[in-house]
């Protein structure tokens, strides 16, 4: 049996070209959203498994912003302790 709790999820950093409109923020519930000065959007947070990652990437496709990168990252210690 797989543990799909956020503490055992893989964290990802997903970079999009352009700023995500405010109306989409709720759609990415659970991910930190940062609008960067250079015009990109950075989504960061836990993804419980590959199926969830694929679902997330479908959402990215649906917002219409070009996908720049998807990278597994180490979770921010402060972020993990808050969940």
N, C-alpha and C. Protein backbone atom coordinates (compact mmCIF):
# COMPACT_ATOMS: atom_id res chain seq x y z
N UNK A 1 0.85 -1.19 0.00
CA UNK A 1 0.00 0.00 0.00
C UNK A 1 0.89 1.24 0.00
N UNK A 2 0.57 2.21 -0.86
CA UNK A 2 1.34 3.45 -0.95
C UNK A 2 0.78 4.48 0.01
N UNK A 3 1.68 5.23 0.66
CA UNK A 3 1.28 6.34 1.52
C UNK A 3 1.19 7.58 0.64
N UNK A 4 0.00 8.16 0.51
CA UNK A 4 -0.19 9.32 -0.34
C UNK A 4 -0.36 10.61 0.45
N UNK A 5 0.08 10.62 1.69
CA UNK A 5 -0.02 11.84 2.49
C UNK A 5 0.99 12.86 1.98
N UNK A 6 0.73 14.17 2.20
CA UNK A 6 1.66 15.19 1.73
C UNK A 6 3.09 15.01 2.22
N UNK A 7 3.27 14.43 3.41
CA UNK A 7 4.62 14.25 3.93
C UNK A 7 5.40 13.20 3.13
N UNK A 8 4.70 12.32 2.39
CA UNK A 8 5.37 11.30 1.60
C UNK A 8 5.26 11.56 0.10
N UNK A 9 4.67 12.70 -0.27
CA UNK A 9 4.52 13.05 -1.67
C UNK A 9 5.83 13.63 -2.20
N UNK A 10 6.00 13.54 -3.49
CA UNK A 10 7.13 14.18 -4.16
C UNK A 10 6.75 15.65 -4.39
N UNK A 11 7.66 16.54 -4.09
CA UNK A 11 7.42 17.96 -4.35
C UNK A 11 7.92 18.30 -5.75
N UNK A 12 7.15 19.15 -6.43
CA UNK A 12 7.50 19.58 -7.78
C UNK A 12 7.48 21.09 -7.89
N UNK A 13 8.28 21.58 -8.82
CA UNK A 13 8.30 22.98 -9.19
C UNK A 13 7.93 23.01 -10.68
N UNK A 14 6.83 23.66 -10.99
CA UNK A 14 6.33 23.73 -12.36
C UNK A 14 6.37 25.19 -12.79
N UNK A 15 7.13 25.47 -13.84
CA UNK A 15 7.29 26.84 -14.31
C UNK A 15 6.50 27.04 -15.60
N UNK A 16 5.71 28.13 -15.62
CA UNK A 16 4.89 28.49 -16.77
C UNK A 16 5.35 29.84 -17.31
N UNK A 17 5.27 30.00 -18.62
CA UNK A 17 5.60 31.28 -19.23
C UNK A 17 4.37 32.17 -19.16
N UNK A 18 4.51 33.29 -18.49
CA UNK A 18 3.40 34.22 -18.30
C UNK A 18 2.85 34.13 -16.89
N UNK A 19 2.06 35.12 -16.53
CA UNK A 19 1.46 35.13 -15.20
C UNK A 19 0.09 34.48 -15.22
N UNK A 20 -0.13 33.62 -14.26
CA UNK A 20 -1.40 32.94 -14.09
C UNK A 20 -2.44 33.96 -13.61
N UNK A 21 -3.58 34.00 -14.27
CA UNK A 21 -4.64 34.92 -13.86
C UNK A 21 -5.23 34.48 -12.52
N UNK A 22 -5.68 35.44 -11.76
CA UNK A 22 -6.21 35.18 -10.41
C UNK A 22 -7.35 34.16 -10.42
N UNK A 23 -8.13 34.12 -11.49
CA UNK A 23 -9.28 33.20 -11.53
C UNK A 23 -8.87 31.73 -11.50
N UNK A 24 -7.61 31.42 -11.81
CA UNK A 24 -7.15 30.03 -11.84
C UNK A 24 -6.53 29.57 -10.52
N UNK A 25 -6.29 30.48 -9.60
CA UNK A 25 -5.57 30.15 -8.36
C UNK A 25 -6.25 29.02 -7.58
N UNK A 26 -7.57 29.06 -7.43
CA UNK A 26 -8.27 28.02 -6.67
C UNK A 26 -8.15 26.65 -7.33
N UNK A 27 -7.98 26.64 -8.64
CA UNK A 27 -7.89 25.39 -9.38
C UNK A 27 -6.63 24.60 -9.02
N UNK A 28 -5.60 25.31 -8.58
CA UNK A 28 -4.34 24.67 -8.19
C UNK A 28 -4.22 24.61 -6.67
N UNK A 29 -5.33 24.33 -6.01
CA UNK A 29 -5.40 24.24 -4.56
C UNK A 29 -4.29 23.32 -4.03
N UNK A 30 -3.59 23.78 -3.02
CA UNK A 30 -2.54 22.97 -2.43
C UNK A 30 -1.15 23.31 -2.95
N UNK A 31 -1.07 24.06 -4.04
CA UNK A 31 0.23 24.45 -4.56
C UNK A 31 0.47 25.92 -4.27
N UNK A 32 1.73 26.23 -3.94
CA UNK A 32 2.11 27.63 -3.78
C UNK A 32 2.26 28.22 -5.17
N UNK A 33 1.73 29.42 -5.37
CA UNK A 33 1.80 30.08 -6.66
C UNK A 33 2.55 31.38 -6.50
N UNK A 34 3.61 31.51 -7.28
CA UNK A 34 4.44 32.72 -7.21
C UNK A 34 4.52 33.33 -8.61
N UNK A 35 4.11 34.60 -8.72
CA UNK A 35 4.25 35.33 -9.98
C UNK A 35 5.60 36.03 -9.93
N UNK A 36 6.50 35.61 -10.79
CA UNK A 36 7.87 36.12 -10.76
C UNK A 36 7.99 37.42 -11.55
N UNK A 37 8.97 38.24 -11.15
CA UNK A 37 9.19 39.53 -11.78
C UNK A 37 9.46 39.42 -13.27
N UNK A 38 10.11 38.35 -13.68
CA UNK A 38 10.46 38.23 -15.11
C UNK A 38 9.29 37.73 -15.96
N UNK A 39 8.12 37.57 -15.34
CA UNK A 39 6.93 37.24 -16.10
C UNK A 39 6.49 35.80 -16.08
N UNK A 40 7.19 34.94 -15.35
CA UNK A 40 6.82 33.53 -15.26
C UNK A 40 5.96 33.29 -14.02
N UNK A 41 5.26 32.15 -14.02
CA UNK A 41 4.53 31.69 -12.84
C UNK A 41 5.20 30.42 -12.36
N UNK A 42 5.41 30.32 -11.06
CA UNK A 42 6.02 29.14 -10.46
C UNK A 42 5.00 28.49 -9.54
N UNK A 43 4.65 27.23 -9.83
CA UNK A 43 3.76 26.43 -8.99
C UNK A 43 4.65 25.44 -8.23
N UNK A 44 4.51 25.39 -6.92
CA UNK A 44 5.34 24.50 -6.11
C UNK A 44 4.50 23.82 -5.05
N UNK A 45 4.75 22.51 -4.88
CA UNK A 45 4.04 21.81 -3.82
C UNK A 45 4.05 20.32 -4.00
N UNK A 46 3.35 19.61 -3.10
CA UNK A 46 3.36 18.15 -3.11
C UNK A 46 2.43 17.59 -4.19
N UNK A 47 2.88 16.51 -4.81
CA UNK A 47 2.09 15.75 -5.77
C UNK A 47 2.18 14.30 -5.32
N UNK A 48 1.04 13.69 -5.00
CA UNK A 48 1.04 12.39 -4.33
C UNK A 48 1.52 11.23 -5.19
N UNK A 49 1.29 11.29 -6.51
CA UNK A 49 1.75 10.19 -7.36
C UNK A 49 1.76 10.65 -8.82
N UNK A 50 2.15 9.73 -9.71
CA UNK A 50 2.25 10.07 -11.13
C UNK A 50 0.90 10.41 -11.74
N UNK A 51 -0.16 9.75 -11.31
CA UNK A 51 -1.49 10.06 -11.83
C UNK A 51 -1.87 11.50 -11.47
N UNK A 52 -1.57 11.91 -10.25
CA UNK A 52 -1.86 13.28 -9.82
C UNK A 52 -1.02 14.28 -10.61
N UNK A 53 0.22 13.93 -10.90
CA UNK A 53 1.08 14.81 -11.69
C UNK A 53 0.51 14.99 -13.10
N UNK A 54 0.06 13.91 -13.70
CA UNK A 54 -0.54 14.00 -15.04
C UNK A 54 -1.81 14.85 -15.01
N UNK A 55 -2.61 14.71 -13.96
CA UNK A 55 -3.80 15.53 -13.82
C UNK A 55 -3.46 17.00 -13.68
N UNK A 56 -2.41 17.27 -12.93
CA UNK A 56 -1.94 18.64 -12.75
C UNK A 56 -1.45 19.23 -14.07
N UNK A 57 -0.74 18.43 -14.84
CA UNK A 57 -0.25 18.90 -16.14
C UNK A 57 -1.39 19.15 -17.12
N UNK A 58 -2.48 18.40 -16.99
CA UNK A 58 -3.67 18.67 -17.82
C UNK A 58 -4.26 20.03 -17.45
N UNK A 59 -4.28 20.35 -16.15
CA UNK A 59 -4.77 21.65 -15.73
C UNK A 59 -3.89 22.76 -16.29
N UNK A 60 -2.57 22.54 -16.25
CA UNK A 60 -1.63 23.52 -16.81
C UNK A 60 -1.95 23.74 -18.29
N UNK A 61 -2.17 22.66 -19.02
CA UNK A 61 -2.52 22.77 -20.44
C UNK A 61 -3.79 23.60 -20.62
N UNK A 62 -4.77 23.37 -19.76
CA UNK A 62 -6.07 24.03 -19.89
C UNK A 62 -6.03 25.53 -19.61
N UNK A 63 -5.06 26.00 -18.82
CA UNK A 63 -4.99 27.45 -18.57
C UNK A 63 -4.38 28.19 -19.75
N UNK A 64 -3.70 27.47 -20.64
CA UNK A 64 -3.21 28.08 -21.87
C UNK A 64 -1.85 28.75 -21.78
N UNK A 65 -1.16 28.63 -20.66
CA UNK A 65 0.19 29.19 -20.56
C UNK A 65 1.20 28.13 -20.97
N UNK A 66 2.22 28.50 -21.73
CA UNK A 66 3.24 27.52 -22.12
C UNK A 66 3.97 26.94 -20.91
N UNK A 67 4.16 25.64 -20.91
CA UNK A 67 4.90 24.93 -19.86
C UNK A 67 6.39 25.07 -20.15
N UNK A 68 7.14 25.60 -19.20
CA UNK A 68 8.59 25.76 -19.37
C UNK A 68 9.38 24.61 -18.76
N UNK A 69 8.95 24.15 -17.56
CA UNK A 69 9.70 23.07 -16.92
C UNK A 69 8.87 22.42 -15.82
N UNK A 70 9.22 21.16 -15.54
CA UNK A 70 8.66 20.40 -14.42
C UNK A 70 9.85 19.73 -13.75
N UNK A 71 10.10 20.08 -12.50
CA UNK A 71 11.26 19.54 -11.80
C UNK A 71 10.89 19.05 -10.40
N UNK A 72 11.34 17.86 -10.04
CA UNK A 72 11.19 17.43 -8.65
C UNK A 72 12.14 18.26 -7.79
N UNK A 73 11.67 18.68 -6.62
CA UNK A 73 12.48 19.50 -5.72
C UNK A 73 12.34 18.98 -4.30
N UNK A 74 13.26 19.38 -3.47
CA UNK A 74 13.17 19.09 -2.04
C UNK A 74 12.15 20.05 -1.44
N UNK A 75 11.28 19.57 -0.56
CA UNK A 75 10.29 20.46 0.04
C UNK A 75 10.95 21.50 0.94
N UNK A 76 10.35 22.67 0.99
CA UNK A 76 10.77 23.72 1.90
C UNK A 76 10.40 23.26 3.30
N UNK A 77 11.35 23.23 4.21
CA UNK A 77 11.13 22.71 5.56
C UNK A 77 10.01 23.44 6.27
N UNK A 78 9.92 24.76 6.11
CA UNK A 78 8.86 25.53 6.76
C UNK A 78 7.50 25.15 6.19
N UNK A 79 7.43 24.96 4.87
CA UNK A 79 6.17 24.62 4.22
C UNK A 79 5.65 23.26 4.70
N UNK A 80 6.54 22.29 4.84
CA UNK A 80 6.16 20.95 5.27
C UNK A 80 5.66 20.98 6.72
N UNK A 81 6.31 21.75 7.58
CA UNK A 81 5.93 21.77 9.00
C UNK A 81 4.56 22.42 9.20
N UNK A 82 4.10 23.24 8.24
CA UNK A 82 2.81 23.90 8.35
C UNK A 82 1.66 22.97 7.96
N UNK A 83 1.94 21.92 7.20
CA UNK A 83 0.87 21.04 6.71
C UNK A 83 0.55 19.94 7.68
